[in-house]
PDB file of N, CA and C in Angstrom:
ATOM      1  N   MET A   1      -0.143  20.136  16.515  1.00  0.00           N
ATOM      2  CA  MET A   1       0.398  19.487  15.338  1.00  0.00           C
ATOM      3  C   MET A   1      -0.581  18.423  14.870  1.00  0.00           C
ATOM      4  N   LYS A   2      -0.841  18.415  13.600  1.00  0.00           N
ATOM      5  CA  LYS A   2      -1.789  17.475  13.024  1.00  0.00           C
ATOM      6  C   LYS A   2      -1.085  16.151  12.738  1.00  0.00           C
ATOM      7  N   LEU A   3      -1.632  15.049  13.223  1.00  0.00           N
ATOM      8  CA  LEU A   3      -1.016  13.746  13.041  1.00  0.00           C
ATOM      9  C   LEU A   3      -1.591  12.966  11.869  1.00  0.00           C
ATOM     10  N   HIS A   4      -2.811  13.225  11.512  1.00  0.00           N
ATOM     11  CA  HIS A   4      -3.457  12.487  10.428  1.00  0.00           C
ATOM     12  C   HIS A   4      -3.856  13.458   9.328  1.00  0.00           C
ATOM     13  N   TYR A   5      -3.514  13.080   8.103  1.00  0.00           N
ATOM     14  CA  TYR A   5      -3.833  13.911   6.954  1.00  0.00           C
ATOM     15  C   TYR A   5      -4.771  13.156   6.029  1.00  0.00           C
ATOM     16  N   GLU A   6      -5.616  13.877   5.354  1.00  0.00           N
ATOM     17  CA  GLU A   6      -6.549  13.293   4.395  1.00  0.00           C
ATOM     18  C   GLU A   6      -6.107  13.677   2.987  1.00  0.00           C
ATOM     19  N   LEU A   7      -6.746  13.062   1.980  1.00  0.00           N
ATOM     20  CA  LEU A   7      -6.417  13.390   0.601  1.00  0.00           C
ATOM     21  C   LEU A   7      -6.734  14.839   0.265  1.00  0.00           C
ATOM     22  N   ASN A   8      -7.720  15.411   0.907  1.00  0.00           N
ATOM     23  CA  ASN A   8      -8.058  16.812   0.658  1.00  0.00           C
ATOM     24  C   ASN A   8      -6.958  17.752   1.136  1.00  0.00           C
ATOM     25  N   ASP A   9      -6.134  17.310   2.063  1.00  0.00           N
ATOM     26  CA  ASP A   9      -5.046  18.142   2.563  1.00  0.00           C
ATOM     27  C   ASP A   9      -3.894  18.254   1.565  1.00  0.00           C
ATOM     28  N   LEU A  10      -3.847  17.355   0.567  1.00  0.00           N
ATOM     29  CA  LEU A  10      -2.776  17.403  -0.423  1.00  0.00           C
ATOM     30  C   LEU A  10      -2.862  18.644  -1.294  1.00  0.00           C
ATOM     31  N   LYS A  11      -4.056  19.185  -1.473  1.00  0.00           N
ATOM     32  CA  LYS A  11      -4.194  20.392  -2.293  1.00  0.00           C
ATOM     33  C   LYS A  11      -3.544  21.599  -1.623  1.00  0.00           C
ATOM     34  N   ASP A  12      -3.359  21.536  -0.327  1.00  0.00           N
ATOM     35  CA  ASP A  12      -2.727  22.628   0.399  1.00  0.00           C
ATOM     36  C   ASP A  12      -1.211  22.473   0.497  1.00  0.00           C
ATOM     37  N   LEU A  13      -0.682  21.385  -0.017  1.00  0.00           N
ATOM     38  CA  LEU A  13       0.748  21.105   0.050  1.00  0.00           C
ATOM     39  C   LEU A  13       1.503  22.001  -0.925  1.00  0.00           C
ATOM     40  N   ASP A  14       2.529  22.640  -0.456  1.00  0.00           N
ATOM     41  CA  ASP A  14       3.343  23.523  -1.291  1.00  0.00           C
ATOM     42  C   ASP A  14       4.488  22.716  -1.901  1.00  0.00           C
ATOM     43  N   ILE A  15       4.306  22.309  -3.157  1.00  0.00           N
ATOM     44  CA  ILE A  15       5.290  21.474  -3.845  1.00  0.00           C
ATOM     45  C   ILE A  15       6.612  22.224  -4.030  1.00  0.00           C
ATOM     46  N   MET A  16       6.544  23.505  -4.322  1.00  0.00           N
ATOM     47  CA  MET A  16       7.761  24.275  -4.572  1.00  0.00           C
ATOM     48  C   MET A  16       8.639  24.384  -3.329  1.00  0.00           C
ATOM     49  N   ALA A  17       8.071  24.213  -2.158  1.00  0.00           N
ATOM     50  CA  ALA A  17       8.862  24.278  -0.931  1.00  0.00           C
ATOM     51  C   ALA A  17       9.671  23.007  -0.715  1.00  0.00           C
ATOM     52  N   ILE A  18       9.140  21.863  -1.143  1.00  0.00           N
ATOM     53  CA  ILE A  18       9.860  20.603  -0.929  1.00  0.00           C
ATOM     54  C   ILE A  18      10.605  20.135  -2.178  1.00  0.00           C
ATOM     55  N   LEU A  19      10.440  20.811  -3.308  1.00  0.00           N
ATOM     56  CA  LEU A  19      11.118  20.435  -4.539  1.00  0.00           C
ATOM     57  C   LEU A  19      12.643  20.454  -4.428  1.00  0.00           C
ATOM     58  N   PRO A  20      13.260  21.433  -3.763  1.00  0.00           N
ATOM     59  CA  PRO A  20      14.725  21.406  -3.631  1.00  0.00           C
ATOM     60  C   PRO A  20      15.240  20.204  -2.835  1.00  0.00           C
ATOM     61  N   ILE A  21      14.405  19.576  -2.056  1.00  0.00           N
ATOM     62  CA  ILE A  21      14.812  18.387  -1.310  1.00  0.00           C
ATOM     63  C   ILE A  21      14.602  17.134  -2.143  1.00  0.00           C
ATOM     64  N   ILE A  22      13.481  17.058  -2.837  1.00  0.00           N
ATOM     65  CA  ILE A  22      13.121  15.860  -3.588  1.00  0.00           C
ATOM     66  C   ILE A  22      13.940  15.716  -4.874  1.00  0.00           C
ATOM     67  N   LEU A  23      14.187  16.813  -5.582  1.00  0.00           N
ATOM     68  CA  LEU A  23      14.850  16.766  -6.866  1.00  0.00           C
ATOM     69  C   LEU A  23      16.254  16.146  -6.825  1.00  0.00           C
ATOM     70  N   PRO A  24      17.134  16.534  -5.890  1.00  0.00           N
ATOM     71  CA  PRO A  24      18.454  15.883  -5.845  1.00  0.00           C
ATOM     72  C   PRO A  24      18.378  14.394  -5.509  1.00  0.00           C
ATOM     73  N   VAL A  25      17.451  14.009  -4.666  1.00  0.00           N
ATOM     74  CA  VAL A  25      17.294  12.597  -4.319  1.00  0.00           C
ATOM     75  C   VAL A  25      16.851  11.796  -5.547  1.00  0.00           C
ATOM     76  N   MET A  26      15.921  12.347  -6.308  1.00  0.00           N
ATOM     77  CA  MET A  26      15.472  11.673  -7.523  1.00  0.00           C
ATOM     78  C   MET A  26      16.587  11.608  -8.563  1.00  0.00           C
ATOM     79  N   ALA A  27      17.367  12.677  -8.682  1.00  0.00           N
ATOM     80  CA  ALA A  27      18.467  12.705  -9.649  1.00  0.00           C
ATOM     81  C   ALA A  27      19.532  11.665  -9.299  1.00  0.00           C
ATOM     82  N   ILE A  28      19.846  11.521  -8.032  1.00  0.00           N
ATOM     83  CA  ILE A  28      20.826  10.520  -7.608  1.00  0.00           C
ATOM     84  C   ILE A  28      20.306   9.115  -7.890  1.00  0.00           C
ATOM     85  N   GLY A  29      19.022   8.878  -7.645  1.00  0.00           N
ATOM     86  CA  GLY A  29      18.433   7.569  -7.927  1.00  0.00           C
ATOM     87  C   GLY A  29      18.495   7.223  -9.394  1.00  0.00           C
ATOM     88  N   VAL A  30      18.150   8.176 -10.253  1.00  0.00           N
ATOM     89  CA  VAL A  30      18.199   7.938 -11.703  1.00  0.00           C
ATOM     90  C   VAL A  30      19.629   7.730 -12.158  1.00  0.00           C
ATOM     91  N   LEU A  31      20.556   8.504 -11.627  1.00  0.00           N
ATOM     92  CA  LEU A  31      21.964   8.362 -11.989  1.00  0.00           C
ATOM     93  C   LEU A  31      22.509   6.997 -11.581  1.00  0.00           C
ATOM     94  N   LEU A  32      22.160   6.537 -10.397  1.00  0.00           N
ATOM     95  CA  LEU A  32      22.588   5.203  -9.957  1.00  0.00           C
ATOM     96  C   LEU A  32      22.057   4.118 -10.881  1.00  0.00           C
ATOM     97  N   VAL A  33      20.792   4.210 -11.254  1.00  0.00           N
ATOM     98  CA  VAL A  33      20.190   3.213 -12.149  1.00  0.00           C
ATOM     99  C   VAL A  33      20.908   3.222 -13.496  1.00  0.00           C
ATOM    100  N   LEU A  34      21.139   4.406 -14.057  1.00  0.00           N
ATOM    101  CA  LEU A  34      21.801   4.490 -15.357  1.00  0.00           C
ATOM    102  C   LEU A  34      23.222   3.945 -15.325  1.00  0.00           C
ATOM    103  N   ILE A  35      23.979   4.285 -14.308  1.00  0.00           N
ATOM    104  CA  ILE A  35      25.354   3.798 -14.208  1.00  0.00           C
ATOM    105  C   ILE A  35      25.380   2.281 -14.050  1.00  0.00           C
ATOM    106  N   ALA A  36      24.478   1.744 -13.240  1.00  0.00           N
ATOM    107  CA  ALA A  36      24.431   0.296 -13.046  1.00  0.00           C
ATOM    108  C   ALA A  36      24.037  -0.420 -14.336  1.00  0.00           C
ATOM    109  N   LEU A  37      23.067   0.116 -15.073  1.00  0.00           N
ATOM    110  CA  LEU A  37      22.660  -0.511 -16.331  1.00  0.00           C
ATOM    111  C   LEU A  37      23.758  -0.427 -17.387  1.00  0.00           C
ATOM    112  N   ILE A  38      24.465   0.690 -17.441  1.00  0.00           N
ATOM    113  CA  ILE A  38      25.577   0.824 -18.390  1.00  0.00           C
ATOM    114  C   ILE A  38      26.678  -0.163 -18.053  1.00  0.00           C
ATOM    115  N   ASP A  39      27.024  -0.294 -16.784  1.00  0.00           N
ATOM    116  CA  ASP A  39      28.060  -1.247 -16.379  1.00  0.00           C
ATOM    117  C   ASP A  39      27.636  -2.682 -16.676  1.00  0.00           C
ATOM    118  N   LEU A  40      26.383  -2.999 -16.406  1.00  0.00           N
ATOM    119  CA  LEU A  40      25.880  -4.343 -16.690  1.00  0.00           C
ATOM    120  C   LEU A  40      25.911  -4.623 -18.186  1.00  0.00           C
ATOM    121  N   TYR A  41      25.543  -3.637 -19.009  1.00  0.00           N
ATOM    122  CA  TYR A  41      25.538  -3.813 -20.453  1.00  0.00           C
ATOM    123  C   TYR A  41      26.958  -3.991 -21.000  1.00  0.00           C
ATOM    124  N   LYS A  42      27.906  -3.234 -20.474  1.00  0.00           N
ATOM    125  CA  LYS A  42      29.289  -3.330 -20.946  1.00  0.00           C
ATOM    126  C   LYS A  42      29.906  -4.689 -20.619  1.00  0.00           C
ATOM    127  N   HIS A  43      29.509  -5.276 -19.492  1.00  0.00           N
ATOM    128  CA  HIS A  43      30.096  -6.537 -19.053  1.00  0.00           C
ATOM    129  C   HIS A  43      29.113  -7.704 -19.147  1.00  0.00           C
ATOM    130  N   ARG A  44      28.160  -7.608 -20.057  1.00  0.00           N
ATOM    131  CA  ARG A  44      27.118  -8.639 -20.141  1.00  0.00           C
ATOM    132  C   ARG A  44      27.672  -9.999 -20.570  1.00  0.00           C
ATOM    133  N   LYS A  45      28.802 -10.040 -21.267  1.00  0.00           N
ATOM    134  CA  LYS A  45      29.385 -11.318 -21.705  1.00  0.00           C
ATOM    135  C   LYS A  45      30.006 -12.084 -20.542  1.00  0.00           C
ATOM    136  N   THR A  46      30.425 -11.380 -19.526  1.00  0.00           N
ATOM    137  CA  THR A  46      31.106 -12.038 -18.406  1.00  0.00           C
ATOM    138  C   THR A  46      30.248 -12.136 -17.153  1.00  0.00           C
ATOM    139  N   ARG A  47      29.019 -11.679 -17.206  1.00  0.00           N
ATOM    140  CA  ARG A  47      28.130 -11.719 -16.036  1.00  0.00           C
ATOM    141  C   ARG A  47      27.124 -12.854 -16.164  1.00  0.00           C
ATOM    142  N   ASP A  48      26.833 -13.466 -15.050  1.00  0.00           N
ATOM    143  CA  ASP A  48      25.721 -14.416 -14.966  1.00  0.00           C
ATOM    144  C   ASP A  48      24.466 -13.623 -14.648  1.00  0.00           C
ATOM    145  N   ASN A  49      23.308 -14.159 -14.988  1.00  0.00           N
ATOM    146  CA  ASN A  49      22.014 -13.608 -14.578  1.00  0.00           C
ATOM    147  C   ASN A  49      21.819 -12.144 -14.981  1.00  0.00           C
ATOM    148  N   VAL A  50      22.103 -11.817 -16.236  1.00  0.00           N
ATOM    149  CA  VAL A  50      21.970 -10.436 -16.702  1.00  0.00           C
ATOM    150  C   VAL A  50      20.512  -9.981 -16.634  1.00  0.00           C
ATOM    151  N   LEU A  51      19.590 -10.818 -17.031  1.00  0.00           N
ATOM    152  CA  LEU A  51      18.178 -10.443 -17.006  1.00  0.00           C
ATOM    153  C   LEU A  51      17.688 -10.207 -15.582  1.00  0.00           C
ATOM    154  N   ILE A  52      18.092 -11.056 -14.670  1.00  0.00           N
ATOM    155  CA  ILE A  52      17.682 -10.901 -13.271  1.00  0.00           C
ATOM    156  C   ILE A  52      18.242  -9.609 -12.691  1.00  0.00           C
ATOM    157  N   TRP A  53      19.515  -9.303 -12.980  1.00  0.00           N
ATOM    158  CA  TRP A  53      20.097  -8.063 -12.463  1.00  0.00           C
ATOM    159  C   TRP A  53      19.440  -6.833 -13.082  1.00  0.00           C
ATOM    160  N   THR A  54      19.049  -6.921 -14.355  1.00  0.00           N
ATOM    161  CA  THR A  54      18.349  -5.807 -14.988  1.00  0.00           C
ATOM    162  C   THR A  54      17.029  -5.532 -14.284  1.00  0.00           C
ATOM    163  N   ILE A  55      16.287  -6.580 -13.979  1.00  0.00           N
ATOM    164  CA  ILE A  55      15.006  -6.434 -13.288  1.00  0.00           C
ATOM    165  C   ILE A  55      15.212  -5.862 -11.885  1.00  0.00           C
ATOM    166  N   ILE A  56      16.227  -6.352 -11.179  1.00  0.00           N
ATOM    167  CA  ILE A  56      16.507  -5.851  -9.827  1.00  0.00           C
ATOM    168  C   ILE A  56      16.892  -4.376  -9.874  1.00  0.00           C
ATOM    169  N   ILE A  57      17.746  -4.003 -10.822  1.00  0.00           N
ATOM    170  CA  ILE A  57      18.190  -2.613 -10.926  1.00  0.00           C
ATOM    171  C   ILE A  57      17.017  -1.688 -11.236  1.00  0.00           C
ATOM    172  N   LEU A  58      16.136  -2.114 -12.138  1.00  0.00           N
ATOM    173  CA  LEU A  58      15.033  -1.247 -12.555  1.00  0.00           C
ATOM    174  C   LEU A  58      13.920  -1.146 -11.523  1.00  0.00           C
ATOM    175  N   PHE A  59      13.591  -2.248 -10.863  1.00  0.00           N
ATOM    176  CA  PHE A  59      12.418  -2.245 -10.002  1.00  0.00           C
ATOM    177  C   PHE A  59      12.717  -2.058  -8.516  1.00  0.00           C
ATOM    178  N   ALA A  60      13.965  -2.139  -8.126  1.00  0.00           N
ATOM    179  CA  ALA A  60      14.304  -1.890  -6.725  1.00  0.00           C
ATOM    180  C   ALA A  60      15.024  -0.544  -6.631  1.00  0.00           C
ATOM    181  N   ASN A  61      14.515   0.428  -7.326  1.00  0.00           N
ATOM    182  CA  ASN A  61      15.022   1.780  -7.535  1.00  0.00           C
ATOM    183  C   ASN A  61      16.402   2.074  -6.960  1.00  0.00           C
ATOM    184  N   THR A  62      16.545   2.579  -5.783  1.00  0.00           N
ATOM    185  CA  THR A  62      17.856   2.955  -5.265  1.00  0.00           C
ATOM    186  C   THR A  62      18.606   1.756  -4.703  1.00  0.00           C
ATOM    187  N   LEU A  63      17.901   0.833  -4.109  1.00  0.00           N
ATOM    188  CA  LEU A  63      18.546  -0.336  -3.520  1.00  0.00           C
ATOM    189  C   LEU A  63      19.082  -1.298  -4.586  1.00  0.00           C
ATOM    190  N   GLY A  64      18.411  -1.405  -5.725  1.00  0.00           N
ATOM    191  CA  GLY A  64      18.823  -2.313  -6.798  1.00  0.00           C
ATOM    192  C   GLY A  64      20.215  -2.030  -7.331  1.00  0.00           C
ATOM    193  N   PRO A  65      20.508  -0.782  -7.738  1.00  0.00           N
ATOM    194  CA  PRO A  65      21.865  -0.487  -8.204  1.00  0.00           C
ATOM    195  C   PRO A  65      22.931  -0.684  -7.135  1.00  0.00           C
ATOM    196  N   ILE A  66      22.598  -0.353  -5.891  1.00  0.00           N
ATOM    197  CA  ILE A  66      23.570  -0.554  -4.811  1.00  0.00           C
ATOM    198  C   ILE A  66      23.863  -2.042  -4.640  1.00  0.00           C
ATOM    199  N   LEU A  67      22.825  -2.878  -4.669  1.00  0.00           N
ATOM    200  CA  LEU A  67      23.034  -4.326  -4.593  1.00  0.00           C
ATOM    201  C   LEU A  67      23.865  -4.832  -5.766  1.00  0.00           C
ATOM    202  N   TYR A  68      23.611  -4.292  -6.951  1.00  0.00           N
ATOM    203  CA  TYR A  68      24.382  -4.719  -8.123  1.00  0.00           C
ATOM    204  C   TYR A  68      25.861  -4.401  -7.940  1.00  0.00           C
ATOM    205  N   PHE A  69      26.176  -3.194  -7.479  1.00  0.00           N
ATOM    206  CA  PHE A  69      27.579  -2.829  -7.327  1.00  0.00           C
ATOM    207  C   PHE A  69      28.259  -3.591  -6.193  1.00  0.00           C
ATOM    208  N   VAL A  70      27.515  -3.977  -5.184  1.00  0.00           N
ATOM    209  CA  VAL A  70      28.103  -4.716  -4.062  1.00  0.00           C
ATOM    210  C   VAL A  70      28.190  -6.213  -4.364  1.00  0.00           C
ATOM    211  N   ILE A  71      27.113  -6.783  -4.911  1.00  0.00           N
ATOM    212  CA  ILE A  71      27.041  -8.236  -5.106  1.00  0.00           C
ATOM    213  C   ILE A  71      27.197  -8.636  -6.571  1.00  0.00           C
ATOM    214  N   GLY A  72      26.535  -7.932  -7.473  1.00  0.00           N
ATOM    215  CA  GLY A  72      26.426  -8.335  -8.862  1.00  0.00           C
ATOM    216  C   GLY A  72      27.706  -8.267  -9.649  1.00  0.00           C
ATOM    217  N   ARG A  73      28.595  -7.367  -9.290  1.00  0.00           N
ATOM    218  CA  ARG A  73      29.848  -7.271 -10.044  1.00  0.00           C
ATOM    219  C   ARG A  73      30.758  -8.447  -9.762  1.00  0.00           C
ATOM    220  N   LYS A  74      30.506  -9.163  -8.693  1.00  0.00           N
ATOM    221  CA  LYS A  74      31.275 -10.369  -8.389  1.00  0.00           C
ATOM    222  C   LYS A  74      30.705 -11.577  -9.109  1.00  0.00           C
ATOM    223  N   ASP A  75      29.542 -11.413  -9.734  1.00  0.00           N
ATOM    224  CA  ASP A  75      28.807 -12.471 -10.412  1.00  0.00           C
ATOM    225  C   ASP A  75      29.396 -12.702 -11.804  1.00  0.00           C
ATOM    226  N   ILE A  76      30.575 -13.324 -11.844  1.00  0.00           N
ATOM    227  CA  ILE A  76      31.299 -13.508 -13.117  1.00  0.00           C
ATOM    228  C   ILE A  76      31.300 -14.989 -13.475  1.00  0.00           C
ATOM    229  N   GLU A  77      31.089 -15.245 -14.769  1.00  0.00           N
ATOM    230  CA  GLU A  77      31.130 -16.640 -15.248  1.00  0.00           C
ATOM    231  C   GLU A  77      32.534 -17.195 -15.084  1.00  0.00           C
ATOM    232  N   LYS A  78      32.597 -18.412 -14.660  1.00  0.00           N
ATOM    233  CA  LYS A  78      33.888 -19.096 -14.551  1.00  0.00           C
ATOM    234  C   LYS A  78      34.145 -19.835 -15.871  1.00  0.00           C
ATOM    235  N   SER A  79      35.155 -19.401 -16.614  1.00  0.00           N
ATOM    236  CA  SER A  79      35.454 -20.019 -17.911  1.00  0.00           C
ATOM    237  C   SER A  79      36.405 -21.168 -17.766  1.00  0.00           C
TER     238      SER A  79
END
């Protein structure tokens, strides 16, 4: 078994063999980001730190939306 790979070995990689594994993971990540951004946009009047949450959701790919749904939805302005 080969433990170290070089850049030249990437040309031998069969993308179509791993595509069925990668595609659903990417789709779930994009779906999470979209749902989190839609929820943040709908409740932007009652949320604190909308810009910060937008940056976290966009740049922390899968972890960002999960953090928003766990922590960010509790981030409500006290009127």
